[in-house]
Amino acid sequence: MMRCGKRRCRCKDELPQLHGPYIQWARTVEGKTVTKLLTADQLARYQPWLDNARRLRNLATELDTLTIQAVDQTEGWAS
């Protein structure tokens, strides 16, 4: 559910009636957020890839955290 860019739209009211629901795929490209709207068919086709990408990001974050902890313990650094 989201708001649009129109100033006088119902989605801007005090009790907003948002547009949607929409399926969005957001990611960062060269430091900027890029969002694409997907159809239900596209989501079904790409869901395994999107799940794998999320899992990879989570594993990379976990590895980064473990690396920092290991270096901090080994070198006695406080991060």
PDB file of N, CA and C in Angstrom:
ATOM      1  N   MET A   1       0.852  -1.168   0.000  1.00  0.00           N
ATOM      2  CA  MET A   1       0.000   0.000   0.000  1.00  0.00           C
ATOM      3  C   MET A   1       0.898   1.232   0.000  1.00  0.00           C
ATOM      4  N   MET A   2       0.522   2.230  -0.790  1.00  0.00           N
ATOM      5  CA  MET A   2       1.395   3.394  -0.902  1.00  0.00           C
ATOM      6  C   MET A   2       0.619   4.654  -1.254  1.00  0.00           C
ATOM      7  N   ARG A   3       1.284   5.781  -1.070  1.00  0.00           N
ATOM      8  CA  ARG A   3       0.753   7.075  -1.479  1.00  0.00           C
ATOM      9  C   ARG A   3       1.297   7.408  -2.868  1.00  0.00           C
ATOM     10  N   CYS A   4       0.536   8.219  -3.599  1.00  0.00           N
ATOM     11  CA  CYS A   4       0.994   8.649  -4.913  1.00  0.00           C
ATOM     12  C   CYS A   4       1.564  10.065  -4.818  1.00  0.00           C
ATOM     13  N   GLY A   5       1.867  10.665  -5.941  1.00  0.00           N
ATOM     14  CA  GLY A   5       2.459  11.995  -5.955  1.00  0.00           C
ATOM     15  C   GLY A   5       1.457  13.122  -6.159  1.00  0.00           C
ATOM     16  N   LYS A   6       0.183  12.814  -6.290  1.00  0.00           N
ATOM     17  CA  LYS A   6      -0.824  13.844  -6.531  1.00  0.00           C
ATOM     18  C   LYS A   6      -1.178  14.549  -5.221  1.00  0.00           C
ATOM     19  N   ARG A   7      -1.191  15.891  -5.248  1.00  0.00           N
ATOM     20  CA  ARG A   7      -1.402  16.667  -4.030  1.00  0.00           C
ATOM     21  C   ARG A   7      -2.784  16.490  -3.430  1.00  0.00           C
ATOM     22  N   ARG A   8      -3.807  16.363  -4.235  1.00  0.00           N
ATOM     23  CA  ARG A   8      -5.184  16.330  -3.735  1.00  0.00           C
ATOM     24  C   ARG A   8      -5.811  14.930  -3.766  1.00  0.00           C
ATOM     25  N   CYS A   9      -4.991  13.917  -3.761  1.00  0.00           N
ATOM     26  CA  CYS A   9      -5.487  12.545  -3.849  1.00  0.00           C
ATOM     27  C   CYS A   9      -6.011  12.065  -2.499  1.00  0.00           C
ATOM     28  N   ARG A  10      -6.901  11.090  -2.525  1.00  0.00           N
ATOM     29  CA  ARG A  10      -7.467  10.497  -1.305  1.00  0.00           C
ATOM     30  C   ARG A  10      -6.393   9.877  -0.417  1.00  0.00           C
ATOM     31  N   CYS A  11      -5.263   9.554  -0.995  1.00  0.00           N
ATOM     32  CA  CYS A  11      -4.191   8.948  -0.215  1.00  0.00           C
ATOM     33  C   CYS A  11      -3.483   9.969   0.665  1.00  0.00           C
ATOM     34  N   LYS A  12      -3.785  11.257   0.475  1.00  0.00           N
ATOM     35  CA  LYS A  12      -3.176  12.318   1.282  1.00  0.00           C
ATOM     36  C   LYS A  12      -4.113  12.817   2.386  1.00  0.00           C
ATOM     37  N   ASP A  13      -5.346  12.289   2.448  1.00  0.00           N
ATOM     38  CA  ASP A  13      -6.315  12.722   3.453  1.00  0.00           C
ATOM     39  C   ASP A  13      -5.833  12.411   4.857  1.00  0.00           C
ATOM     40  N   GLU A  14      -6.536  13.004   5.850  1.00  0.00           N
ATOM     41  CA  GLU A  14      -6.194  12.740   7.250  1.00  0.00           C
ATOM     42  C   GLU A  14      -6.341  11.252   7.576  1.00  0.00           C
ATOM     43  N   LEU A  15      -7.381  10.629   7.033  1.00  0.00           N
ATOM     44  CA  LEU A  15      -7.536   9.174   7.109  1.00  0.00           C
ATOM     45  C   LEU A  15      -7.295   8.643   5.691  1.00  0.00           C
ATOM     46  N   PRO A  16      -6.048   8.423   5.335  1.00  0.00           N
ATOM     47  CA  PRO A  16      -5.720   8.118   3.937  1.00  0.00           C
ATOM     48  C   PRO A  16      -6.260   6.778   3.462  1.00  0.00           C
ATOM     49  N   GLN A  17      -6.674   6.777   2.211  1.00  0.00           N
ATOM     50  CA  GLN A  17      -7.036   5.545   1.516  1.00  0.00           C
ATOM     51  C   GLN A  17      -5.904   5.288   0.532  1.00  0.00           C
ATOM     52  N   LEU A  18      -5.000   4.437   0.932  1.00  0.00           N
ATOM     53  CA  LEU A  18      -3.794   4.206   0.149  1.00  0.00           C
ATOM     54  C   LEU A  18      -4.084   3.394  -1.105  1.00  0.00           C
ATOM     55  N   HIS A  19      -3.199   3.519  -2.071  1.00  0.00           N
ATOM     56  CA  HIS A  19      -3.300   2.777  -3.323  1.00  0.00           C
ATOM     57  C   HIS A  19      -2.657   1.401  -3.147  1.00  0.00           C
ATOM     58  N   GLY A  20      -3.149   0.441  -3.872  1.00  0.00           N
ATOM     59  CA  GLY A  20      -2.505  -0.863  -3.827  1.00  0.00           C
ATOM     60  C   GLY A  20      -3.490  -1.941  -3.437  1.00  0.00           C
ATOM     61  N   PRO A  21      -3.010  -3.081  -3.082  1.00  0.00           N
ATOM     62  CA  PRO A  21      -1.620  -3.425  -2.796  1.00  0.00           C
ATOM     63  C   PRO A  21      -0.811  -3.651  -4.079  1.00  0.00           C
ATOM     64  N   TYR A  22       0.467  -3.341  -3.986  1.00  0.00           N
ATOM     65  CA  TYR A  22       1.402  -3.522  -5.076  1.00  0.00           C
ATOM     66  C   TYR A  22       2.527  -4.436  -4.613  1.00  0.00           C
ATOM     67  N   ILE A  23       3.102  -5.155  -5.554  1.00  0.00           N
ATOM     68  CA  ILE A  23       4.261  -5.992  -5.270  1.00  0.00           C
ATOM     69  C   ILE A  23       5.479  -5.198  -5.736  1.00  0.00           C
ATOM     70  N   GLN A  24       6.360  -4.858  -4.795  1.00  0.00           N
ATOM     71  CA  GLN A  24       7.531  -4.056  -5.125  1.00  0.00           C
ATOM     72  C   GLN A  24       8.804  -4.851  -4.892  1.00  0.00           C
ATOM     73  N   TRP A  25       9.769  -4.651  -5.778  1.00  0.00           N
ATOM     74  CA  TRP A  25      11.103  -5.213  -5.617  1.00  0.00           C
ATOM     75  C   TRP A  25      12.044  -4.024  -5.522  1.00  0.00           C
ATOM     76  N   ALA A  26      12.659  -3.845  -4.353  1.00  0.00           N
ATOM     77  CA  ALA A  26      13.557  -2.718  -4.131  1.00  0.00           C
ATOM     78  C   ALA A  26      14.965  -3.237  -3.875  1.00  0.00           C
ATOM     79  N   ARG A  27      15.941  -2.514  -4.388  1.00  0.00           N
ATOM     80  CA  ARG A  27      17.343  -2.860  -4.169  1.00  0.00           C
ATOM     81  C   ARG A  27      18.165  -1.594  -4.313  1.00  0.00           C
ATOM     82  N   THR A  28      19.412  -1.672  -3.921  1.00  0.00           N
ATOM     83  CA  THR A  28      20.299  -0.519  -4.007  1.00  0.00           C
ATOM     84  C   THR A  28      21.245  -0.707  -5.188  1.00  0.00           C
ATOM     85  N   VAL A  29      21.306   0.301  -6.045  1.00  0.00           N
ATOM     86  CA  VAL A  29      22.191   0.293  -7.208  1.00  0.00           C
ATOM     87  C   VAL A  29      23.003   1.589  -7.158  1.00  0.00           C
ATOM     88  N   GLU A  30      24.317   1.441  -7.051  1.00  0.00           N
ATOM     89  CA  GLU A  30      25.221   2.587  -6.979  1.00  0.00           C
ATOM     90  C   GLU A  30      24.780   3.578  -5.911  1.00  0.00           C
ATOM     91  N   GLY A  31      24.388   3.044  -4.742  1.00  0.00           N
ATOM     92  CA  GLY A  31      24.033   3.889  -3.606  1.00  0.00           C
ATOM     93  C   GLY A  31      22.634   4.470  -3.637  1.00  0.00           C
ATOM     94  N   LYS A  32      21.834   4.130  -4.623  1.00  0.00           N
ATOM     95  CA  LYS A  32      20.479   4.655  -4.733  1.00  0.00           C
ATOM     96  C   LYS A  32      19.475   3.507  -4.735  1.00  0.00           C
ATOM     97  N   THR A  33      18.328   3.732  -4.106  1.00  0.00           N
ATOM     98  CA  THR A  33      17.277   2.737  -4.081  1.00  0.00           C
ATOM     99  C   THR A  33      16.546   2.725  -5.419  1.00  0.00           C
ATOM    100  N   VAL A  34      16.432   1.543  -5.992  1.00  0.00           N
ATOM    101  CA  VAL A  34      15.716   1.351  -7.249  1.00  0.00           C
ATOM    102  C   VAL A  34      14.548   0.418  -6.957  1.00  0.00           C
ATOM    103  N   THR A  35      13.341   0.827  -7.339  1.00  0.00           N
ATOM    104  CA  THR A  35      12.146   0.040  -7.074  1.00  0.00           C
ATOM    105  C   THR A  35      11.454  -0.299  -8.384  1.00  0.00           C
ATOM    106  N   LYS A  36      11.054  -1.551  -8.507  1.00  0.00           N
ATOM    107  CA  LYS A  36      10.287  -2.001  -9.671  1.00  0.00           C
ATOM    108  C   LYS A  36       8.997  -2.628  -9.168  1.00  0.00           C
ATOM    109  N   LEU A  37       7.912  -2.360  -9.853  1.00  0.00           N
ATOM    110  CA  LEU A  37       6.647  -3.019  -9.545  1.00  0.00           C
ATOM    111  C   LEU A  37       6.595  -4.325 -10.322  1.00  0.00           C
ATOM    112  N   LEU A  38       6.177  -5.382  -9.657  1.00  0.00           N
ATOM    113  CA  LEU A  38       6.093  -6.702 -10.281  1.00  0.00           C
ATOM    114  C   LEU A  38       4.640  -7.144 -10.354  1.00  0.00           C
ATOM    115  N   THR A  39       4.332  -7.897 -11.388  1.00  0.00           N
ATOM    116  CA  THR A  39       3.016  -8.543 -11.454  1.00  0.00           C
ATOM    117  C   THR A  39       3.072  -9.805 -10.599  1.00  0.00           C
ATOM    118  N   ALA A  40       1.929 -10.374 -10.325  1.00  0.00           N
ATOM    119  CA  ALA A  40       1.886 -11.613  -9.556  1.00  0.00           C
ATOM    120  C   ALA A  40       2.621 -12.731 -10.293  1.00  0.00           C
ATOM    121  N   ASP A  41       2.502 -12.767 -11.614  1.00  0.00           N
ATOM    122  CA  ASP A  41       3.208 -13.779 -12.411  1.00  0.00           C
ATOM    123  C   ASP A  41       4.724 -13.601 -12.325  1.00  0.00           C
ATOM    124  N   GLN A  42       5.174 -12.352 -12.397  1.00  0.00           N
ATOM    125  CA  GLN A  42       6.610 -12.090 -12.278  1.00  0.00           C
ATOM    126  C   GLN A  42       7.117 -12.501 -10.901  1.00  0.00           C
ATOM    127  N   LEU A  43       6.357 -12.182  -9.855  1.00  0.00           N
ATOM    128  CA  LEU A  43       6.759 -12.571  -8.502  1.00  0.00           C
ATOM    129  C   LEU A  43       6.873 -14.086  -8.397  1.00  0.00           C
ATOM    130  N   ALA A  44       5.915 -14.798  -8.950  1.00  0.00           N
ATOM    131  CA  ALA A  44       5.956 -16.264  -8.903  1.00  0.00           C
ATOM    132  C   ALA A  44       7.196 -16.797  -9.629  1.00  0.00           C
ATOM    133  N   ARG A  45       7.527 -16.197 -10.780  1.00  0.00           N
ATOM    134  CA  ARG A  45       8.697 -16.643 -11.542  1.00  0.00           C
ATOM    135  C   ARG A  45      10.003 -16.351 -10.819  1.00  0.00           C
ATOM    136  N   TYR A  46      10.092 -15.181 -10.206  1.00  0.00           N
ATOM    137  CA  TYR A  46      11.357 -14.727  -9.642  1.00  0.00           C
ATOM    138  C   TYR A  46      11.506 -14.965  -8.147  1.00  0.00           C
ATOM    139  N   GLN A  47      10.457 -15.447  -7.488  1.00  0.00           N
ATOM    140  CA  GLN A  47      10.504 -15.616  -6.032  1.00  0.00           C
ATOM    141  C   GLN A  47      11.692 -16.450  -5.551  1.00  0.00           C
ATOM    142  N   PRO A  48      12.015 -17.584  -6.198  1.00  0.00           N
ATOM    143  CA  PRO A  48      13.191 -18.339  -5.743  1.00  0.00           C
ATOM    144  C   PRO A  48      14.486 -17.522  -5.834  1.00  0.00           C
ATOM    145  N   TRP A  49      14.649 -16.733  -6.877  1.00  0.00           N
ATOM    146  CA  TRP A  49      15.845 -15.901  -7.014  1.00  0.00           C
ATOM    147  C   TRP A  49      15.872 -14.822  -5.938  1.00  0.00           C
ATOM    148  N   LEU A  50      14.726 -14.194  -5.700  1.00  0.00           N
ATOM    149  CA  LEU A  50      14.646 -13.150  -4.684  1.00  0.00           C
ATOM    150  C   LEU A  50      14.934 -13.721  -3.296  1.00  0.00           C
ATOM    151  N   ASP A  51      14.413 -14.921  -3.027  1.00  0.00           N
ATOM    152  CA  ASP A  51      14.679 -15.581  -1.742  1.00  0.00           C
ATOM    153  C   ASP A  51      16.169 -15.889  -1.595  1.00  0.00           C
ATOM    154  N   ASN A  52      16.792 -16.378  -2.667  1.00  0.00           N
ATOM    155  CA  ASN A  52      18.228 -16.673  -2.621  1.00  0.00           C
ATOM    156  C   ASN A  52      19.053 -15.407  -2.411  1.00  0.00           C
ATOM    157  N   ALA A  53      18.665 -14.319  -3.060  1.00  0.00           N
ATOM    158  CA  ALA A  53      19.391 -13.053  -2.899  1.00  0.00           C
ATOM    159  C   ALA A  53      19.288 -12.566  -1.456  1.00  0.00           C
ATOM    160  N   ARG A  54      18.108 -12.673  -0.858  1.00  0.00           N
ATOM    161  CA  ARG A  54      17.920 -12.278   0.534  1.00  0.00           C
ATOM    162  C   ARG A  54      18.772 -13.155   1.448  1.00  0.00           C
ATOM    163  N   ARG A  55      18.774 -14.448   1.193  1.00  0.00           N
ATOM    164  CA  ARG A  55      19.579 -15.367   2.007  1.00  0.00           C
ATOM    165  C   ARG A  55      21.061 -15.033   1.889  1.00  0.00           C
ATOM    166  N   LEU A  56      21.528 -14.737   0.685  1.00  0.00           N
ATOM    167  CA  LEU A  56      22.922 -14.372   0.477  1.00  0.00           C
ATOM    168  C   LEU A  56      23.282 -13.097   1.247  1.00  0.00           C
ATOM    169  N   ARG A  57      22.415 -12.080   1.181  1.00  0.00           N
ATOM    170  CA  ARG A  57      22.667 -10.832   1.933  1.00  0.00           C
ATOM    171  C   ARG A  57      22.733 -11.103   3.426  1.00  0.00           C
ATOM    172  N   ASN A  58      21.815 -11.927   3.932  1.00  0.00           N
ATOM    173  CA  ASN A  58      21.810 -12.256   5.361  1.00  0.00           C
ATOM    174  C   ASN A  58      23.082 -13.004   5.761  1.00  0.00           C
ATOM    175  N   LEU A  59      23.511 -13.952   4.935  1.00  0.00           N
ATOM    176  CA  LEU A  59      24.739 -14.699   5.237  1.00  0.00           C
ATOM    177  C   LEU A  59      25.965 -13.790   5.191  1.00  0.00           C
ATOM    178  N   ALA A  60      26.015 -12.876   4.229  1.00  0.00           N
ATOM    179  CA  ALA A  60      27.141 -11.948   4.137  1.00  0.00           C
ATOM    180  C   ALA A  60      27.185 -11.037   5.366  1.00  0.00           C
ATOM    181  N   THR A  61      26.028 -10.584   5.826  1.00  0.00           N
ATOM    182  CA  THR A  61      25.972  -9.759   7.036  1.00  0.00           C
ATOM    183  C   THR A  61      26.437 -10.548   8.250  1.00  0.00           C
ATOM    184  N   GLU A  62      25.993 -11.797   8.342  1.00  0.00           N
ATOM    185  CA  GLU A  62      26.411 -12.659   9.451  1.00  0.00           C
ATOM    186  C   GLU A  62      27.922 -12.899   9.422  1.00  0.00           C
ATOM    187  N   LEU A  63      28.460 -13.158   8.244  1.00  0.00           N
ATOM    188  CA  LEU A  63      29.910 -13.367   8.103  1.00  0.00           C
ATOM    189  C   LEU A  63      30.682 -12.107   8.501  1.00  0.00           C
ATOM    190  N   ASP A  64      30.194 -10.954   8.083  1.00  0.00           N
ATOM    191  CA  ASP A  64      30.831  -9.689   8.436  1.00  0.00           C
ATOM    192  C   ASP A  64      30.842  -9.500   9.961  1.00  0.00           C
ATOM    193  N   THR A  65      29.726  -9.782  10.602  1.00  0.00           N
ATOM    194  CA  THR A  65      29.629  -9.662  12.062  1.00  0.00           C
ATOM    195  C   THR A  65      30.594 -10.611  12.750  1.00  0.00           C
ATOM    196  N   LEU A  66      30.639 -11.854  12.297  1.00  0.00           N
ATOM    197  CA  LEU A  66      31.551 -12.834  12.896  1.00  0.00           C
ATOM    198  C   LEU A  66      33.012 -12.442  12.682  1.00  0.00           C
ATOM    199  N   THR A  67      33.331 -11.906  11.517  1.00  0.00           N
ATOM    200  CA  THR A  67      34.698 -11.466  11.235  1.00  0.00           C
ATOM    201  C   THR A  67      35.104 -10.338  12.189  1.00  0.00           C
ATOM    202  N   ILE A  68      34.230  -9.370  12.353  1.00  0.00           N
ATOM    203  CA  ILE A  68      34.512  -8.256  13.266  1.00  0.00           C
ATOM    204  C   ILE A  68      34.716  -8.769  14.687  1.00  0.00           C
ATOM    205  N   GLN A  69      33.862  -9.689  15.138  1.00  0.00           N
ATOM    206  CA  GLN A  69      34.004 -10.248  16.478  1.00  0.00           C
ATOM    207  C   GLN A  69      35.328 -10.988  16.635  1.00  0.00           C
ATOM    208  N   ALA A  70      35.700 -11.789  15.632  1.00  0.00           N
ATOM    209  CA  ALA A  70      36.943 -12.560  15.699  1.00  0.00           C
ATOM    210  C   ALA A  70      38.157 -11.633  15.750  1.00  0.00           C
ATOM    211  N   VAL A  71      38.166 -10.608  14.908  1.00  0.00           N
ATOM    212  CA  VAL A  71      39.286  -9.671  14.893  1.00  0.00           C
ATOM    213  C   VAL A  71      39.337  -8.894  16.206  1.00  0.00           C
ATOM    214  N   ASP A  72      38.183  -8.438  16.685  1.00  0.00           N
ATOM    215  CA  ASP A  72      38.155  -7.721  17.959  1.00  0.00           C
ATOM    216  C   ASP A  72      38.718  -8.584  19.094  1.00  0.00           C
ATOM    217  N   GLN A  73      38.334  -9.851  19.140  1.00  0.00           N
ATOM    218  CA  GLN A  73      38.806 -10.750  20.202  1.00  0.00           C
ATOM    219  C   GLN A  73      40.296 -11.020  20.052  1.00  0.00           C
ATOM    220  N   THR A  74      40.732 -11.285  18.829  1.00  0.00           N
ATOM    221  CA  THR A  74      42.140 -11.626  18.584  1.00  0.00           C
ATOM    222  C   THR A  74      43.065 -10.448  18.840  1.00  0.00           C
ATOM    223  N   GLU A  75      42.652  -9.260  18.374  1.00  0.00           N
ATOM    224  CA  GLU A  75      43.508  -8.084  18.452  1.00  0.00           C
ATOM    225  C   GLU A  75      43.250  -7.243  19.698  1.00  0.00           C
ATOM    226  N   GLY A  76      42.171  -7.563  20.415  1.00  0.00           N
ATOM    227  CA  GLY A  76      41.853  -6.777  21.597  1.00  0.00           C
ATOM    228  C   GLY A  76      41.278  -5.410  21.273  1.00  0.00           C
ATOM    229  N   TRP A  77      40.756  -5.257  20.059  1.00  0.00           N
ATOM    230  CA  TRP A  77      40.168  -3.979  19.653  1.00  0.00           C
ATOM    231  C   TRP A  77      38.750  -3.870  20.191  1.00  0.00           C
ATOM    232  N   ALA A  78      38.332  -2.716  20.484  1.00  0.00           N
ATOM    233  CA  ALA A  78      36.932  -2.465  20.838  1.00  0.00           C
ATOM    234  C   ALA A  78      36.305  -1.695  19.700  1.00  0.00           C
ATOM    235  N   SER A  79      35.278  -2.255  19.112  1.00  0.00           N
ATOM    236  CA  SER A  79      34.667  -1.574  17.967  1.00  0.00           C
ATOM    237  C   SER A  79      33.562  -0.646  18.400  1.00  0.00           C
TER     238      SER A  79
END
